[in-house]
Amino acid sequence: MRGNVLVLGSDERLERALELMIPGIIVRGCRGATDTEGLAVDVVVIAGPQPIAELTEVRVHPNLYAKPVVLVAPGHRMSQQEWQAVGVWPVTSRGFDQIDVLTDRVAWLLSRIYHPASRGRAEATRARAAS
């Protein structure tokens, strides 16, 4: 698998776990969306203490607004269908299965982005973001 994953607001352990569990991806971490200028990003993971505030920053960022987001919000009640309609895949589980759910979502999103059938859509999205 390949792809670039941006992790906002996490520690290095989460970034390392993603790299180990999804071989071939590049994971970069930043404190916030404002620190991401010039980074190639396919999927954004928001794992900070204030996930909704960080999601707002991502959605107004000129390079990140159209990227799929995996939102780590343990214990929150979120309707999966409503959030997915706006390009957000929430991870609300706690405990040991949280990293498994997170890596499954990231891997699934990357496989959709790089699937040959979605090639035209992904390239069009990148071209729009670049202009």
Protein backbone atom coordinates (compact mmCIF):
# COMPACT_ATOMS: atom_id res chain seq x y z
CA MET A 1 0.00 0.00 0.00
CA ARG A 2 1.10 3.56 -0.52
CA GLY A 3 -0.06 6.96 0.56
CA ASN A 4 0.63 9.99 2.71
CA VAL A 5 -1.07 10.29 6.07
CA LEU A 6 -1.05 13.45 8.15
CA VAL A 7 -1.68 12.97 11.88
CA LEU A 8 -2.74 16.11 13.72
CA GLY A 9 -2.37 16.41 17.46
CA SER A 10 -0.99 12.99 18.31
CA ASP A 11 2.11 11.58 19.86
CA GLU A 12 4.82 9.66 18.04
CA ARG A 13 3.45 6.31 19.22
CA LEU A 14 0.33 6.66 17.08
CA GLU A 15 2.37 7.67 14.04
CA ARG A 16 4.72 4.72 14.52
CA ALA A 17 1.80 2.30 14.99
CA LEU A 18 0.27 3.44 11.69
CA GLU A 19 3.60 2.96 9.89
CA LEU A 20 4.03 -0.52 11.35
CA MET A 21 0.47 -1.70 10.72
CA ILE A 22 0.16 -0.27 7.18
CA PRO A 23 3.51 -0.91 5.46
CA GLY A 24 4.47 1.44 2.62
CA ILE A 25 2.74 4.59 3.85
CA ILE A 26 4.40 7.81 4.89
CA VAL A 27 3.13 9.26 8.16
CA ARG A 28 3.83 12.80 9.25
CA GLY A 29 2.71 14.44 12.46
CA CYS A 30 1.91 18.08 13.16
CA ARG A 31 0.45 19.94 16.09
CA GLY A 32 -2.19 21.66 14.00
CA ALA A 33 -3.45 22.25 10.47
CA THR A 34 -1.54 25.53 10.19
CA ASP A 35 1.81 23.66 10.31
CA THR A 36 1.14 21.63 7.15
CA GLU A 37 2.23 23.90 4.31
CA GLY A 38 3.92 21.99 1.52
CA LEU A 39 3.10 18.49 2.79
CA ALA A 40 1.63 15.94 0.39
CA VAL A 41 -1.45 14.50 2.11
CA ASP A 42 -3.94 11.81 1.07
CA VAL A 43 -5.69 11.20 4.41
CA VAL A 44 -5.85 13.34 7.55
CA VAL A 45 -6.07 11.73 11.00
CA ILE A 46 -7.22 14.02 13.78
CA ALA A 47 -6.17 12.64 17.16
CA GLY A 48 -5.86 15.68 19.39
CA PRO A 49 -7.65 16.57 22.61
CA GLN A 50 -10.18 18.82 20.80
CA PRO A 51 -11.12 16.85 17.66
CA ILE A 52 -14.06 19.00 16.55
CA ALA A 53 -12.01 22.24 16.73
CA GLU A 54 -9.21 20.61 14.75
CA LEU A 55 -11.73 19.32 12.19
CA THR A 56 -12.92 22.90 11.70
CA GLU A 57 -9.32 24.01 11.04
CA VAL A 58 -8.87 21.22 8.48
CA ARG A 59 -12.10 22.07 6.65
CA VAL A 60 -11.03 25.72 6.17
CA HIS A 61 -7.40 24.92 5.28
CA PRO A 62 -6.69 25.62 1.58
CA ASN A 63 -4.81 22.32 1.02
CA LEU A 64 -6.71 19.99 3.36
CA TYR A 65 -10.38 20.96 3.04
CA ALA A 66 -11.27 18.19 0.55
CA LYS A 67 -9.18 15.40 2.10
CA PRO A 68 -10.86 12.46 3.82
CA VAL A 69 -10.56 12.68 7.61
CA VAL A 70 -10.38 9.96 10.24
CA LEU A 71 -11.55 11.63 13.44
CA VAL A 72 -10.42 10.00 16.69
CA ALA A 73 -13.03 10.99 19.28
CA PRO A 74 -13.17 8.25 21.94
CA GLY A 75 -16.43 8.04 23.82
CA HIS A 76 -18.34 10.49 21.60
CA ARG A 77 -21.63 9.41 20.07
CA MET A 78 -21.51 10.06 16.36
CA SER A 79 -23.68 8.80 13.55
CA GLN A 80 -21.33 7.03 11.13
CA GLN A 81 -23.53 7.69 8.10
CA GLU A 82 -23.98 11.41 8.73
CA TRP A 83 -20.27 11.99 9.25
CA GLN A 84 -19.22 9.87 6.28
CA ALA A 85 -21.50 11.95 4.04
CA VAL A 86 -19.18 14.91 4.72
CA GLY A 87 -15.95 12.94 4.32
CA VAL A 88 -15.29 12.16 7.98
CA TRP A 89 -14.84 8.65 9.37
CA PRO A 90 -15.10 8.78 13.18
CA VAL A 91 -13.34 6.37 15.53
CA THR A 92 -15.23 6.48 18.81
CA SER A 93 -13.99 3.27 20.42
CA ARG A 94 -11.79 3.25 23.50
CA GLY A 95 -9.14 0.87 24.64
CA PHE A 96 -7.19 -1.73 22.75
CA ASP A 97 -9.33 -1.89 19.63
CA GLN A 98 -9.04 1.83 18.92
CA ILE A 99 -5.75 1.51 17.00
CA ASP A 100 -7.16 -1.44 15.03
CA VAL A 101 -10.23 0.52 13.99
CA LEU A 102 -8.08 3.54 13.16
CA THR A 103 -5.65 1.59 10.96
CA ASP A 104 -8.52 -0.22 9.23
CA ARG A 105 -10.16 3.10 8.32
CA VAL A 106 -6.91 4.67 7.09
CA ALA A 107 -6.02 1.58 5.02
CA TRP A 108 -9.53 1.47 3.52
CA LEU A 109 -9.42 5.16 2.56
CA LEU A 110 -5.98 4.83 0.99
CA SER A 111 -7.07 1.76 -0.98
CA ARG A 112 -10.05 3.73 -2.31
CA ILE A 113 -7.87 6.68 -3.28
CA TYR A 114 -5.29 4.55 -5.10
CA HIS A 115 -7.67 2.01 -6.63
CA PRO A 116 -7.38 2.03 -10.46
CA ALA A 117 -11.12 2.66 -10.84
CA SER A 118 -10.90 5.86 -8.80
CA ARG A 119 -7.77 7.15 -10.52
CA GLY A 120 -9.55 9.85 -12.49
CA ARG A 121 -11.43 11.14 -9.47
CA ALA A 122 -8.29 11.26 -7.29
CA GLU A 123 -6.25 13.05 -9.95
CA ALA A 124 -9.05 15.55 -10.53
CA THR A 125 -9.23 16.24 -6.79
CA ARG A 126 -5.47 16.77 -6.60
CA ALA A 127 -5.52 19.07 -9.64
CA ARG A 128 -8.31 21.14 -8.09
CA ALA A 129 -6.42 21.39 -4.81
CA ALA A 130 -3.23 22.45 -6.59
CA SER A 131 -4.93 25.29 -8.47
